[in-house]
Amino acid sequence: MANALTALGMVSGTILDGIDIALVVTDGEKVASRGPSMRVAYPADFRERLAAGPRQPCGSAGARSCPACLASSSGS
């Protein structure tokens, strides 16, 4: 396979249980080979924090703003 790339994919699903990780060799259209894969489970206390969501909306008074919000407000 010409122009083969090795890619590492990571995804966290909607059920907040952990991260799935997989390695593949691809040309961007076809998968030439699949490498190792694994799931890394989140600790229970971290799952609870994720499920609770943010304490305050990003950008609200007293909230710690996310880097994207800080970057977008620096130009105004």
C-alpha atoms as a PDB file:
ATOM      1  CA  MET A   1       0.000   0.000   0.000  1.00  0.00           C
ATOM      2  CA  ALA A   2       1.552   3.254  -1.157  1.00  0.00           C
ATOM      3  CA  ASN A   3       1.314   6.249   1.185  1.00  0.00           C
ATOM      4  CA  ALA A   4       0.397   4.087   4.164  1.00  0.00           C
ATOM      5  CA  LEU A   5      -0.171   5.893   7.436  1.00  0.00           C
ATOM      6  CA  THR A   6      -0.237   4.484  10.935  1.00  0.00           C
ATOM      7  CA  ALA A   7      -3.084   6.066  12.875  1.00  0.00           C
ATOM      8  CA  LEU A   8      -4.045   5.920  16.527  1.00  0.00           C
ATOM      9  CA  GLY A   9      -7.743   6.459  17.156  1.00  0.00           C
ATOM     10  CA  MET A  10      -9.277   7.283  20.514  1.00  0.00           C
ATOM     11  CA  VAL A  11     -12.952   7.793  21.347  1.00  0.00           C
ATOM     12  CA  SER A  12     -15.025   8.197  24.467  1.00  0.00           C
ATOM     13  CA  GLY A  13     -18.618   7.134  24.036  1.00  0.00           C
ATOM     14  CA  THR A  14     -21.787   8.591  25.462  1.00  0.00           C
ATOM     15  CA  ILE A  15     -22.113   6.158  28.364  1.00  0.00           C
ATOM     16  CA  LEU A  16     -19.064   7.636  30.152  1.00  0.00           C
ATOM     17  CA  ASP A  17     -17.413   4.291  30.820  1.00  0.00           C
ATOM     18  CA  GLY A  18     -13.959   4.949  29.380  1.00  0.00           C
ATOM     19  CA  ILE A  19     -11.873   5.439  26.257  1.00  0.00           C
ATOM     20  CA  ASP A  20     -11.494   2.978  23.373  1.00  0.00           C
ATOM     21  CA  ILE A  21      -8.107   3.052  21.624  1.00  0.00           C
ATOM     22  CA  ALA A  22      -7.107   1.361  18.349  1.00  0.00           C
ATOM     23  CA  LEU A  23      -4.128   1.375  15.994  1.00  0.00           C
ATOM     24  CA  VAL A  24      -4.576   0.919  12.224  1.00  0.00           C
ATOM     25  CA  VAL A  25      -2.471   1.162   9.082  1.00  0.00           C
ATOM     26  CA  THR A  26      -4.427   2.884   6.306  1.00  0.00           C
ATOM     27  CA  ASP A  27      -4.104   4.875   3.116  1.00  0.00           C
ATOM     28  CA  GLY A  28      -7.022   7.027   4.227  1.00  0.00           C
ATOM     29  CA  GLU A  29      -9.580   4.908   2.383  1.00  0.00           C
ATOM     30  CA  LYS A  30      -8.773   1.262   3.082  1.00  0.00           C
ATOM     31  CA  VAL A  31      -7.480  -0.343   6.269  1.00  0.00           C
ATOM     32  CA  ALA A  32      -4.377  -2.388   5.465  1.00  0.00           C
ATOM     33  CA  SER A  33      -4.001  -3.841   8.943  1.00  0.00           C
ATOM     34  CA  ARG A  34      -5.390  -3.525  12.415  1.00  0.00           C
ATOM     35  CA  GLY A  35      -3.032  -3.259  15.328  1.00  0.00           C
ATOM     36  CA  PRO A  36      -3.635  -3.578  19.034  1.00  0.00           C
ATOM     37  CA  SER A  37      -6.747  -2.131  20.607  1.00  0.00           C
ATOM     38  CA  MET A  38      -7.922  -1.677  24.158  1.00  0.00           C
ATOM     39  CA  ARG A  39     -10.427   0.002  26.423  1.00  0.00           C
ATOM     40  CA  VAL A  40      -9.287   2.126  29.346  1.00  0.00           C
ATOM     41  CA  ALA A  41     -12.018   2.380  31.956  1.00  0.00           C
ATOM     42  CA  TYR A  42     -12.598   5.623  33.804  1.00  0.00           C
ATOM     43  CA  PRO A  43     -12.363   5.418  37.607  1.00  0.00           C
ATOM     44  CA  ALA A  44     -15.778   5.597  39.328  1.00  0.00           C
ATOM     45  CA  ASP A  45     -15.163   9.052  40.826  1.00  0.00           C
ATOM     46  CA  PHE A  46     -14.220  10.458  37.398  1.00  0.00           C
ATOM     47  CA  ARG A  47     -17.367   8.931  35.804  1.00  0.00           C
ATOM     48  CA  GLU A  48     -19.449  10.642  38.491  1.00  0.00           C
ATOM     49  CA  ARG A  49     -17.785  14.008  37.762  1.00  0.00           C
ATOM     50  CA  LEU A  50     -18.404  13.582  34.026  1.00  0.00           C
ATOM     51  CA  ALA A  51     -22.045  12.652  34.601  1.00  0.00           C
ATOM     52  CA  ALA A  52     -22.561  15.724  36.787  1.00  0.00           C
ATOM     53  CA  GLY A  53     -21.455  17.980  33.935  1.00  0.00           C
ATOM     54  CA  PRO A  54     -20.013  21.469  34.335  1.00  0.00           C
ATOM     55  CA  ARG A  55     -20.804  23.311  37.538  1.00  0.00           C
ATOM     56  CA  GLN A  56     -21.291  26.604  35.711  1.00  0.00           C
ATOM     57  CA  PRO A  57     -21.660  27.344  32.018  1.00  0.00           C
ATOM     58  CA  CYS A  58     -18.416  28.327  30.365  1.00  0.00           C
ATOM     59  CA  GLY A  59     -18.007  32.092  30.362  1.00  0.00           C
ATOM     60  CA  SER A  60     -20.493  32.747  33.191  1.00  0.00           C
ATOM     61  CA  ALA A  61     -19.484  34.966  36.107  1.00  0.00           C
ATOM     62  CA  GLY A  62     -17.167  33.079  38.427  1.00  0.00           C
ATOM     63  CA  ALA A  63     -16.627  30.152  36.051  1.00  0.00           C
ATOM     64  CA  ARG A  64     -13.194  29.149  34.861  1.00  0.00           C
ATOM     65  CA  SER A  65     -13.416  29.641  31.116  1.00  0.00           C
ATOM     66  CA  CYS A  66     -12.223  27.005  28.702  1.00  0.00           C
ATOM     67  CA  PRO A  67      -9.208  27.776  26.462  1.00  0.00           C
ATOM     68  CA  ALA A  68     -11.461  28.201  23.388  1.00  0.00           C
ATOM     69  CA  CYS A  69     -13.586  30.832  25.166  1.00  0.00           C
ATOM     70  CA  LEU A  70     -10.492  32.653  26.407  1.00  0.00           C
ATOM     71  CA  ALA A  71      -9.033  32.695  22.883  1.00  0.00           C
ATOM     72  CA  SER A  72     -12.246  33.972  21.286  1.00  0.00           C
ATOM     73  CA  SER A  73     -12.661  36.766  23.842  1.00  0.00           C
ATOM     74  CA  SER A  74      -9.046  37.965  23.538  1.00  0.00           C
ATOM     75  CA  GLY A  75      -9.724  39.479  20.124  1.00  0.00           C
ATOM     76  CA  SER A  76     -12.752  41.540  21.203  1.00  0.00           C
END
